[in-house]
């Protein structure tokens, strides 16, 4: 369920994906034991050496050095934002959200957050997201609601609850491939709030791409999900000019 940077980039390129924003699994696993600082350093070197990759720098509120690290990494053009993962790092977002979002706000950073499990319920992100409206939050894993038997509506409901227009969701879940979920999400919150995500290399990037290509939505909405929303949020055109 892993791959090196070159394999991730090659798999993406094989289905015409130009850029993949990544964070290192070594910074998340083993659960509650990962060294996010060391993993961020390795990821930065790998991303710099591999065409087609961008970096999410992991920030871990129980490893304070990651805040200093992120301050420096976010100055680099290929570091597009902050990754947080309450589940693997063992902290509840409802207790640490203000600290994390205040830090992100100081850097006008985009935040990608694992969401849908007990420590990372989508609704628990909304208070901090509303309090720091310059932070753009992407709730990862459309449809993830505590496993296959869980509630697939949690991310969409959280976006509907948010008040500042700064909360988005990505499609990087196994649940997103079920019939009707992507289409329902578009009807509820609009394609403008949805970004393509693959969770590669955990899932097949080609499969995730095919789900959006074959979605029962119009071509403009597909373009927004597959490219335009990410380009706007992450400043892809500026990166390409560097």
C-alpha atoms as a PDB file:
ATOM      1  CA  UNK A   1       0.000   0.000   0.000  1.00  0.00           C
ATOM      2  CA  UNK A   2       2.898   2.324  -0.662  1.00  0.00           C
ATOM      3  CA  UNK A   3       5.199   3.421  -3.475  1.00  0.00           C
ATOM      4  CA  UNK A   4       8.184   5.672  -3.923  1.00  0.00           C
ATOM      5  CA  UNK A   5       7.920   9.174  -5.342  1.00  0.00           C
ATOM      6  CA  UNK A   6       8.822   8.117  -8.850  1.00  0.00           C
ATOM      7  CA  UNK A   7       6.102   5.462  -8.974  1.00  0.00           C
ATOM      8  CA  UNK A   8       3.469   7.882  -7.676  1.00  0.00           C
ATOM      9  CA  UNK A   9       4.391  10.443 -10.329  1.00  0.00           C
ATOM     10  CA  UNK A  10       4.541   7.845 -13.103  1.00  0.00           C
ATOM     11  CA  UNK A  11       1.143   6.380 -12.274  1.00  0.00           C
ATOM     12  CA  UNK A  12      -0.361   9.852 -12.304  1.00  0.00           C
ATOM     13  CA  UNK A  13       1.272  10.762 -15.598  1.00  0.00           C
ATOM     14  CA  UNK A  14      -0.075   7.582 -17.178  1.00  0.00           C
ATOM     15  CA  UNK A  15      -3.612   8.938 -16.785  1.00  0.00           C
ATOM     16  CA  UNK A  16      -2.743  12.529 -17.735  1.00  0.00           C
ATOM     17  CA  UNK A  17      -2.491  13.946 -14.216  1.00  0.00           C
ATOM     18  CA  UNK A  18       0.091  16.711 -14.311  1.00  0.00           C
ATOM     19  CA  UNK A  19       0.556  17.430 -10.599  1.00  0.00           C
ATOM     20  CA  UNK A  20       0.148  15.300  -7.475  1.00  0.00           C
ATOM     21  CA  UNK A  21       0.372  16.882  -4.027  1.00  0.00           C
ATOM     22  CA  UNK A  22       1.755  14.364  -1.555  1.00  0.00           C
ATOM     23  CA  UNK A  23       2.624  13.876   2.085  1.00  0.00           C
ATOM     24  CA  UNK A  24       4.773  11.010   3.378  1.00  0.00           C
ATOM     25  CA  UNK A  25       3.133   7.949   4.902  1.00  0.00           C
ATOM     26  CA  UNK A  26       6.165   7.717   7.184  1.00  0.00           C
ATOM     27  CA  UNK A  27       4.942  10.933   8.807  1.00  0.00           C
ATOM     28  CA  UNK A  28       1.615   9.319   9.686  1.00  0.00           C
ATOM     29  CA  UNK A  29       2.414   5.689  10.454  1.00  0.00           C
ATOM     30  CA  UNK A  30       2.751   3.743  12.691  1.00  0.00           C
ATOM     31  CA  UNK A  31      -0.264   5.297  14.388  1.00  0.00           C
ATOM     32  CA  UNK A  32       0.740   7.556  17.297  1.00  0.00           C
ATOM     33  CA  UNK A  33       4.430   6.787  16.712  1.00  0.00           C
ATOM     34  CA  UNK A  34       5.383   8.486  13.432  1.00  0.00           C
ATOM     35  CA  UNK A  35       8.254  10.970  13.267  1.00  0.00           C
ATOM     36  CA  UNK A  36       6.651  13.719  11.189  1.00  0.00           C
ATOM     37  CA  UNK A  37       9.742  15.930  11.276  1.00  0.00           C
ATOM     38  CA  UNK A  38      12.044  13.360   9.698  1.00  0.00           C
ATOM     39  CA  UNK A  39       9.393  12.323   7.182  1.00  0.00           C
ATOM     40  CA  UNK A  40       8.829  15.910   6.072  1.00  0.00           C
ATOM     41  CA  UNK A  41      12.533  16.326   5.391  1.00  0.00           C
ATOM     42  CA  UNK A  42      12.687  13.197   3.248  1.00  0.00           C
ATOM     43  CA  UNK A  43       9.521  14.179   1.392  1.00  0.00           C
ATOM     44  CA  UNK A  44      10.905  17.631   0.594  1.00  0.00           C
ATOM     45  CA  UNK A  45      13.976  16.072  -1.024  1.00  0.00           C
ATOM     46  CA  UNK A  46      11.884  13.549  -2.950  1.00  0.00           C
ATOM     47  CA  UNK A  47       9.461  16.182  -4.240  1.00  0.00           C
ATOM     48  CA  UNK A  48      12.268  18.494  -5.337  1.00  0.00           C
ATOM     49  CA  UNK A  49      13.835  15.648  -7.304  1.00  0.00           C
ATOM     50  CA  UNK A  50      10.676  14.345  -8.959  1.00  0.00           C
ATOM     51  CA  UNK A  51       8.796  16.110 -11.728  1.00  0.00           C
ATOM     52  CA  UNK A  52       5.062  16.314 -11.171  1.00  0.00           C
ATOM     53  CA  UNK A  53       5.035  16.273  -7.373  1.00  0.00           C
ATOM     54  CA  UNK A  54       4.060  18.948  -4.861  1.00  0.00           C
ATOM     55  CA  UNK A  55       4.252  18.736  -1.073  1.00  0.00           C
ATOM     56  CA  UNK A  56       1.857  18.956   1.819  1.00  0.00           C
ATOM     57  CA  UNK A  57       4.011  19.599   4.880  1.00  0.00           C
ATOM     58  CA  UNK A  58       2.711  17.659   7.868  1.00  0.00           C
ATOM     59  CA  UNK A  59       1.993  19.676  11.008  1.00  0.00           C
ATOM     60  CA  UNK A  60       1.590  17.643  14.188  1.00  0.00           C
ATOM     61  CA  UNK A  61       0.536  19.600  17.295  1.00  0.00           C
ATOM     62  CA  UNK A  62       2.214  17.057  19.578  1.00  0.00           C
ATOM     63  CA  UNK A  63       5.507  17.426  17.680  1.00  0.00           C
ATOM     64  CA  UNK A  64       6.114  21.147  17.987  1.00  0.00           C
ATOM     65  CA  UNK A  65       9.141  21.160  15.699  1.00  0.00           C
ATOM     66  CA  UNK A  66       6.762  20.595  12.775  1.00  0.00           C
ATOM     67  CA  UNK A  67       5.465  24.157  13.225  1.00  0.00           C
ATOM     68  CA  UNK A  68       8.963  25.591  12.766  1.00  0.00           C
ATOM     69  CA  UNK A  69       9.543  23.231   9.868  1.00  0.00           C
ATOM     70  CA  UNK A  70       6.310  24.237   8.146  1.00  0.00           C
ATOM     71  CA  UNK A  71       7.156  27.921   8.509  1.00  0.00           C
ATOM     72  CA  UNK A  72      10.245  27.308   6.373  1.00  0.00           C
ATOM     73  CA  UNK A  73       8.766  24.774   3.953  1.00  0.00           C
ATOM     74  CA  UNK A  74       5.776  26.966   3.106  1.00  0.00           C
ATOM     75  CA  UNK A  75       8.176  29.487   1.595  1.00  0.00           C
ATOM     76  CA  UNK A  76       9.084  26.957  -1.085  1.00  0.00           C
ATOM     77  CA  UNK A  77       7.025  27.102  -4.311  1.00  0.00           C
ATOM     78  CA  UNK A  78       6.386  23.349  -4.419  1.00  0.00           C
ATOM     79  CA  UNK A  79       5.030  23.203  -0.884  1.00  0.00           C
ATOM     80  CA  UNK A  80       1.356  23.979  -1.380  1.00  0.00           C
ATOM     81  CA  UNK A  81       0.008  23.754   2.158  1.00  0.00           C
ATOM     82  CA  UNK A  82      -0.330  21.922   5.447  1.00  0.00           C
ATOM     83  CA  UNK A  83      -1.467  18.343   6.063  1.00  0.00           C
ATOM     84  CA  UNK A  84      -3.065  17.376   9.382  1.00  0.00           C
ATOM     85  CA  UNK A  85      -4.162  13.901  10.426  1.00  0.00           C
ATOM     86  CA  UNK A  86      -5.781  13.732  13.873  1.00  0.00           C
ATOM     87  CA  UNK A  87      -6.521  10.000  13.600  1.00  0.00           C
ATOM     88  CA  UNK A  88      -2.988   8.767  12.922  1.00  0.00           C
ATOM     89  CA  UNK A  89      -1.418  11.304  15.271  1.00  0.00           C
ATOM     90  CA  UNK A  90      -3.834  10.638  18.118  1.00  0.00           C
ATOM     91  CA  UNK A  91      -5.366  14.008  18.964  1.00  0.00           C
ATOM     92  CA  UNK A  92      -8.948  15.318  18.693  1.00  0.00           C
ATOM     93  CA  UNK A  93      -9.339  18.180  16.243  1.00  0.00           C
ATOM     94  CA  UNK A  94     -11.969  19.730  18.499  1.00  0.00           C
ATOM     95  CA  UNK A  95      -9.216  20.370  21.074  1.00  0.00           C
ATOM     96  CA  UNK A  96      -6.361  21.343  18.752  1.00  0.00           C
ATOM     97  CA  UNK A  97      -8.227  22.987  15.894  1.00  0.00           C
ATOM     98  CA  UNK A  98      -7.808  26.561  17.094  1.00  0.00           C
ATOM     99  CA  UNK A  99      -4.040  26.148  17.531  1.00  0.00           C
ATOM    100  CA  UNK A 100      -3.636  24.584  14.099  1.00  0.00           C
ATOM    101  CA  UNK A 101      -5.845  27.047  12.250  1.00  0.00           C
ATOM    102  CA  UNK A 102      -4.268  30.052  13.975  1.00  0.00           C
ATOM    103  CA  UNK A 103      -0.889  28.856  12.724  1.00  0.00           C
ATOM    104  CA  UNK A 104      -2.239  28.268   9.214  1.00  0.00           C
ATOM    105  CA  UNK A 105      -3.843  31.716   9.232  1.00  0.00           C
ATOM    106  CA  UNK A 106      -0.494  33.340   9.989  1.00  0.00           C
ATOM    107  CA  UNK A 107       0.794  31.867   6.722  1.00  0.00           C
ATOM    108  CA  UNK A 108      -2.397  32.137   4.632  1.00  0.00           C
ATOM    109  CA  UNK A 109      -2.011  28.392   4.199  1.00  0.00           C
ATOM    110  CA  UNK A 110      -4.289  25.828   2.633  1.00  0.00           C
ATOM    111  CA  UNK A 111      -4.976  22.931   5.022  1.00  0.00           C
ATOM    112  CA  UNK A 112      -5.677  19.365   3.907  1.00  0.00           C
ATOM    113  CA  UNK A 113      -7.232  17.385   6.751  1.00  0.00           C
ATOM    114  CA  UNK A 114      -8.126  13.754   7.128  1.00  0.00           C
ATOM    115  CA  UNK A 115     -11.803  13.698   8.033  1.00  0.00           C
ATOM    116  CA  UNK A 116     -14.633  11.350   8.867  1.00  0.00           C
ATOM    117  CA  UNK A 117     -13.414   9.373  11.880  1.00  0.00           C
ATOM    118  CA  UNK A 118     -13.957   9.973  15.625  1.00  0.00           C
ATOM    119  CA  UNK A 119     -10.995  12.322  16.198  1.00  0.00           C
ATOM    120  CA  UNK A 120     -11.608  14.161  12.930  1.00  0.00           C
ATOM    121  CA  UNK A 121     -15.357  14.558  12.482  1.00  0.00           C
ATOM    122  CA  UNK A 122     -15.971  17.078   9.681  1.00  0.00           C
ATOM    123  CA  UNK A 123     -18.304  19.162  11.833  1.00  0.00           C
ATOM    124  CA  UNK A 124     -15.532  19.664  14.400  1.00  0.00           C
ATOM    125  CA  UNK A 125     -13.448  21.567  11.826  1.00  0.00           C
ATOM    126  CA  UNK A 126     -16.097  24.179  11.123  1.00  0.00           C
ATOM    127  CA  UNK A 127     -15.653  26.351  14.211  1.00  0.00           C
ATOM    128  CA  UNK A 128     -11.937  26.940  13.534  1.00  0.00           C
ATOM    129  CA  UNK A 129     -12.553  27.307   9.797  1.00  0.00           C
ATOM    130  CA  UNK A 130     -15.165  29.993  10.405  1.00  0.00           C
ATOM    131  CA  UNK A 131     -12.892  31.727  12.942  1.00  0.00           C
ATOM    132  CA  UNK A 132      -9.988  31.917  10.464  1.00  0.00           C
ATOM    133  CA  UNK A 133     -11.604  32.614   7.081  1.00  0.00           C
ATOM    134  CA  UNK A 134      -8.301  33.197   5.264  1.00  0.00           C
ATOM    135  CA  UNK A 135      -7.488  29.515   5.782  1.00  0.00           C
ATOM    136  CA  UNK A 136      -8.784  27.329   2.973  1.00  0.00           C
ATOM    137  CA  UNK A 137      -9.689  23.902   4.374  1.00  0.00           C
ATOM    138  CA  UNK A 138      -9.968  20.747   2.276  1.00  0.00           C
ATOM    139  CA  UNK A 139     -11.771  17.955   4.104  1.00  0.00           C
ATOM    140  CA  UNK A 140     -10.248  14.804   2.651  1.00  0.00           C
ATOM    141  CA  UNK A 141     -12.224  11.697   1.746  1.00  0.00           C
ATOM    142  CA  UNK A 142     -15.702  12.466   0.432  1.00  0.00           C
ATOM    143  CA  UNK A 143     -18.093   9.922   1.926  1.00  0.00           C
ATOM    144  CA  UNK A 144     -15.815   8.728   4.737  1.00  0.00           C
ATOM    145  CA  UNK A 145     -17.926   8.485   7.835  1.00  0.00           C
ATOM    146  CA  UNK A 146     -16.303   5.920  10.043  1.00  0.00           C
ATOM    147  CA  UNK A 147     -15.922   3.068   7.594  1.00  0.00           C
ATOM    148  CA  UNK A 148     -18.038   1.298   5.014  1.00  0.00           C
ATOM    149  CA  UNK A 149     -21.088   1.197   7.263  1.00  0.00           C
ATOM    150  CA  UNK A 150     -20.741   4.833   8.320  1.00  0.00           C
ATOM    151  CA  UNK A 151     -22.462   8.036   7.280  1.00  0.00           C
ATOM    152  CA  UNK A 152     -21.329   9.197   3.804  1.00  0.00           C
ATOM    153  CA  UNK A 153     -22.829  12.689   4.156  1.00  0.00           C
ATOM    154  CA  UNK A 154     -20.566  14.136   6.868  1.00  0.00           C
ATOM    155  CA  UNK A 155     -18.193  16.201   4.718  1.00  0.00           C
ATOM    156  CA  UNK A 156     -20.995  17.691   2.626  1.00  0.00           C
ATOM    157  CA  UNK A 157     -23.036  18.521   5.748  1.00  0.00           C
ATOM    158  CA  UNK A 158     -20.017  20.274   7.287  1.00  0.00           C
ATOM    159  CA  UNK A 159     -19.528  22.397   4.181  1.00  0.00           C
ATOM    160  CA  UNK A 160     -23.188  23.351   4.284  1.00  0.00           C
ATOM    161  CA  UNK A 161     -22.753  24.351   7.929  1.00  0.00           C
ATOM    162  CA  UNK A 162     -19.703  26.521   7.246  1.00  0.00           C
ATOM    163  CA  UNK A 163     -20.260  30.258   6.900  1.00  0.00           C
ATOM    164  CA  UNK A 164     -17.144  31.720   5.268  1.00  0.00           C
ATOM    165  CA  UNK A 165     -16.965  29.850   1.944  1.00  0.00           C
ATOM    166  CA  UNK A 166     -13.520  28.463   2.767  1.00  0.00           C
ATOM    167  CA  UNK A 167     -14.278  24.746   3.202  1.00  0.00           C
ATOM    168  CA  UNK A 168     -13.926  22.168   0.433  1.00  0.00           C
ATOM    169  CA  UNK A 169     -13.912  18.388   0.080  1.00  0.00           C
ATOM    170  CA  UNK A 170     -11.816  16.050  -2.026  1.00  0.00           C
ATOM    171  CA  UNK A 171     -12.762  12.745  -3.618  1.00  0.00           C
ATOM    172  CA  UNK A 172      -9.887  10.708  -2.157  1.00  0.00           C
ATOM    173  CA  UNK A 173     -11.896   7.875  -0.658  1.00  0.00           C
ATOM    174  CA  UNK A 174     -13.012   4.399  -1.602  1.00  0.00           C
ATOM    175  CA  UNK A 175     -16.537   5.535  -0.768  1.00  0.00           C
ATOM    176  CA  UNK A 176     -16.435   8.160  -3.527  1.00  0.00           C
ATOM    177  CA  UNK A 177     -16.498   5.470  -6.202  1.00  0.00           C
ATOM    178  CA  UNK A 178     -19.957   4.296  -5.159  1.00  0.00           C
ATOM    179  CA  UNK A 179     -22.674   5.182  -7.674  1.00  0.00           C
ATOM    180  CA  UNK A 180     -24.335   8.525  -7.075  1.00  0.00           C
ATOM    181  CA  UNK A 181     -22.175   9.955  -4.299  1.00  0.00           C
ATOM    182  CA  UNK A 182     -20.126  12.374  -6.405  1.00  0.00           C
ATOM    183  CA  UNK A 183     -23.246  13.411  -8.304  1.00  0.00           C
ATOM    184  CA  UNK A 184     -25.154  13.964  -5.063  1.00  0.00           C
ATOM    185  CA  UNK A 185     -22.319  16.042  -3.616  1.00  0.00           C
ATOM    186  CA  UNK A 186     -22.294  18.258  -6.717  1.00  0.00           C
ATOM    187  CA  UNK A 187     -26.041  18.775  -6.408  1.00  0.00           C
ATOM    188  CA  UNK A 188     -25.742  19.696  -2.722  1.00  0.00           C
ATOM    189  CA  UNK A 189     -22.687  21.986  -2.585  1.00  0.00           C
ATOM    190  CA  UNK A 190     -21.698  22.608  -6.203  1.00  0.00           C
ATOM    191  CA  UNK A 191     -18.642  21.418  -8.070  1.00  0.00           C
ATOM    192  CA  UNK A 192     -16.821  24.585  -6.958  1.00  0.00           C
ATOM    193  CA  UNK A 193     -16.359  23.017  -3.505  1.00  0.00           C
ATOM    194  CA  UNK A 194     -15.052  19.633  -4.686  1.00  0.00           C
ATOM    195  CA  UNK A 195     -11.488  18.707  -5.643  1.00  0.00           C
ATOM    196  CA  UNK A 196     -10.214  15.545  -7.248  1.00  0.00           C
ATOM    197  CA  UNK A 197      -8.165  13.438  -4.873  1.00  0.00           C
ATOM    198  CA  UNK A 198      -6.811   9.926  -5.264  1.00  0.00           C
ATOM    199  CA  UNK A 199      -5.210   8.889  -1.944  1.00  0.00           C
ATOM    200  CA  UNK A 200      -2.546   7.360  -4.147  1.00  0.00           C
ATOM    201  CA  UNK A 201      -0.674   5.075  -3.642  1.00  0.00           C
ATOM    202  CA  UNK A 202      -3.226   3.578  -1.242  1.00  0.00           C
ATOM    203  CA  UNK A 203      -5.741   3.499  -4.093  1.00  0.00           C
ATOM    204  CA  UNK A 204      -5.364   3.281  -7.846  1.00  0.00           C
ATOM    205  CA  UNK A 205      -5.082   6.784  -9.250  1.00  0.00           C
ATOM    206  CA  UNK A 206      -6.432   5.563 -12.601  1.00  0.00           C
ATOM    207  CA  UNK A 207      -9.566   4.251 -10.899  1.00  0.00           C
ATOM    208  CA  UNK A 208     -10.135   7.509  -9.043  1.00  0.00           C
ATOM    209  CA  UNK A 209      -9.614   9.512 -12.237  1.00  0.00           C
ATOM    210  CA  UNK A 210     -12.090   7.285 -14.114  1.00  0.00           C
ATOM    211  CA  UNK A 211     -14.747   7.925 -11.464  1.00  0.00           C
ATOM    212  CA  UNK A 212     -14.749  11.641 -12.209  1.00  0.00           C
ATOM    213  CA  UNK A 213     -14.384  11.220 -15.966  1.00  0.00           C
ATOM    214  CA  UNK A 214     -17.471   9.001 -15.996  1.00  0.00           C
ATOM    215  CA  UNK A 215     -19.522  10.960 -13.446  1.00  0.00           C
ATOM    216  CA  UNK A 216     -23.031  11.951 -14.464  1.00  0.00           C
ATOM    217  CA  UNK A 217     -22.266  15.678 -14.270  1.00  0.00           C
ATOM    218  CA  UNK A 218     -21.544  18.196 -16.997  1.00  0.00           C
ATOM    219  CA  UNK A 219     -18.099  18.730 -18.473  1.00  0.00           C
ATOM    220  CA  UNK A 220     -17.612  22.111 -16.808  1.00  0.00           C
ATOM    221  CA  UNK A 221     -18.158  20.531 -13.394  1.00  0.00           C
ATOM    222  CA  UNK A 222     -15.696  17.766 -14.258  1.00  0.00           C
ATOM    223  CA  UNK A 223     -13.124  20.390 -15.205  1.00  0.00           C
ATOM    224  CA  UNK A 224     -13.665  22.219 -11.926  1.00  0.00           C
ATOM    225  CA  UNK A 225     -13.233  19.037  -9.904  1.00  0.00           C
ATOM    226  CA  UNK A 226     -10.290  17.645 -11.853  1.00  0.00           C
ATOM    227  CA  UNK A 227      -8.268  20.805 -12.300  1.00  0.00           C
ATOM    228  CA  UNK A 228      -9.637  24.293 -11.906  1.00  0.00           C
ATOM    229  CA  UNK A 229     -10.459  24.267  -8.191  1.00  0.00           C
ATOM    230  CA  UNK A 230      -7.042  22.892  -7.259  1.00  0.00           C
ATOM    231  CA  UNK A 231      -5.316  25.330  -9.600  1.00  0.00           C
ATOM    232  CA  UNK A 232      -7.094  28.244  -7.939  1.00  0.00           C
ATOM    233  CA  UNK A 233      -6.554  27.058  -4.356  1.00  0.00           C
ATOM    234  CA  UNK A 234      -2.959  25.905  -4.668  1.00  0.00           C
ATOM    235  CA  UNK A 235      -1.671  28.470  -7.150  1.00  0.00           C
ATOM    236  CA  UNK A 236      -0.706  25.878  -9.758  1.00  0.00           C
ATOM    237  CA  UNK A 237      -0.212  28.426 -12.537  1.00  0.00           C
ATOM    238  CA  UNK A 238       2.320  30.306 -10.411  1.00  0.00           C
ATOM    239  CA  UNK A 239       4.146  27.046  -9.636  1.00  0.00           C
ATOM    240  CA  UNK A 240       4.370  26.229 -13.341  1.00  0.00           C
ATOM    241  CA  UNK A 241       6.005  29.600 -14.005  1.00  0.00           C
ATOM    242  CA  UNK A 242       8.773  28.971 -11.445  1.00  0.00           C
END
